[in-house]
Amino acid sequence: MERSNLKTLGLDRETIEQIMAREKFDIEKEKRKLKETEDVLEELKTKLSLEREVENLREAQAIYLDILKLAANS
């Protein structure tokens, strides 16, 4: 809440400062939560990328083994 809105409610300076400090604390807390969420999301993206890479390598290995079998039968 803006300071001017608090003043119109007839609150004294100390109360206004307490409210503003609490709001600042809450905002910082939310920023930390957001950062943690972003970090987790980044980890999940990395994991997904690695899982896709593993799957691609498995497919490539299967193709390579098929080629080797075909070459051995020729």
Protein backbone atom coordinates (compact mmCIF):
# COMPACT_ATOMS: atom_id res chain seq x y z
CA MET A 1 0.00 0.00 0.00
CA GLU A 2 1.32 3.43 -0.82
CA ARG A 3 2.39 5.74 1.97
CA SER A 4 -0.05 8.45 0.90
CA ASN A 5 -2.95 5.97 1.13
CA LEU A 6 -1.86 5.03 4.63
CA LYS A 7 -1.71 8.69 5.65
CA THR A 8 -5.27 9.23 4.49
CA LEU A 9 -6.32 6.42 6.84
CA GLY A 10 -5.04 8.58 9.69
CA LEU A 11 -2.17 6.30 10.66
CA ASP A 12 0.82 7.71 12.48
CA ARG A 13 4.32 7.67 11.05
CA GLU A 14 5.52 4.73 13.14
CA THR A 15 2.59 2.55 12.08
CA ILE A 16 3.11 3.54 8.46
CA GLU A 17 6.81 2.64 8.71
CA GLN A 18 5.93 -0.74 10.23
CA ILE A 19 3.46 -1.48 7.45
CA MET A 20 5.92 -0.39 4.78
CA ALA A 21 8.70 -2.52 6.34
CA ARG A 22 6.39 -5.54 6.42
CA GLU A 23 5.41 -5.02 2.79
CA LYS A 24 9.08 -4.74 1.83
CA PHE A 25 9.82 -7.95 3.74
CA ASP A 26 6.92 -9.73 2.00
CA ILE A 27 8.12 -8.54 -1.40
CA GLU A 28 11.66 -9.78 -0.74
CA LYS A 29 10.26 -13.11 0.46
CA GLU A 30 8.25 -13.47 -2.76
CA LYS A 31 11.32 -12.58 -4.82
CA ARG A 32 13.28 -15.37 -3.09
CA LYS A 33 10.46 -17.84 -3.75
CA LEU A 34 10.37 -16.80 -7.39
CA LYS A 35 14.15 -17.22 -7.70
CA GLU A 36 13.94 -20.69 -6.13
CA THR A 37 11.13 -21.62 -8.54
CA GLU A 38 13.17 -20.36 -11.49
CA ASP A 39 16.17 -22.40 -10.30
CA VAL A 40 14.06 -25.55 -10.04
CA LEU A 41 12.61 -24.91 -13.49
CA GLU A 42 16.11 -24.52 -14.93
CA GLU A 43 17.17 -27.81 -13.31
CA LEU A 44 14.13 -29.54 -14.79
CA LYS A 45 14.90 -28.13 -18.24
CA THR A 46 18.47 -29.44 -17.97
CA LYS A 47 17.26 -32.85 -16.85
CA LEU A 48 14.76 -33.03 -19.70
CA SER A 49 17.44 -32.04 -22.18
CA LEU A 50 19.75 -34.75 -20.84
CA GLU A 51 16.98 -37.34 -20.98
CA ARG A 52 16.33 -36.44 -24.63
CA GLU A 53 20.03 -36.72 -25.38
CA VAL A 54 20.19 -40.16 -23.75
CA GLU A 55 17.19 -41.29 -25.81
CA ASN A 56 18.85 -39.99 -28.99
CA LEU A 57 22.05 -41.85 -28.12
CA ARG A 58 20.11 -45.07 -27.51
CA GLU A 59 18.41 -44.74 -30.88
CA ALA A 60 21.75 -44.07 -32.56
CA GLN A 61 23.26 -47.09 -30.82
CA ALA A 62 20.37 -49.32 -31.98
CA ILE A 63 20.83 -48.12 -35.56
CA TYR A 64 24.58 -48.71 -35.34
CA LEU A 65 24.02 -52.26 -34.05
CA ASP A 66 21.57 -52.92 -36.88
CA ILE A 67 24.19 -51.72 -39.39
CA LEU A 68 26.82 -53.98 -37.81
CA LYS A 69 24.45 -56.97 -38.03
CA LEU A 70 23.71 -56.21 -41.68
CA ALA A 71 27.44 -55.86 -42.43
CA ALA A 72 28.19 -59.15 -40.68
CA ASN A 73 25.50 -60.95 -42.71
CA SER A 74 26.80 -59.61 -46.03
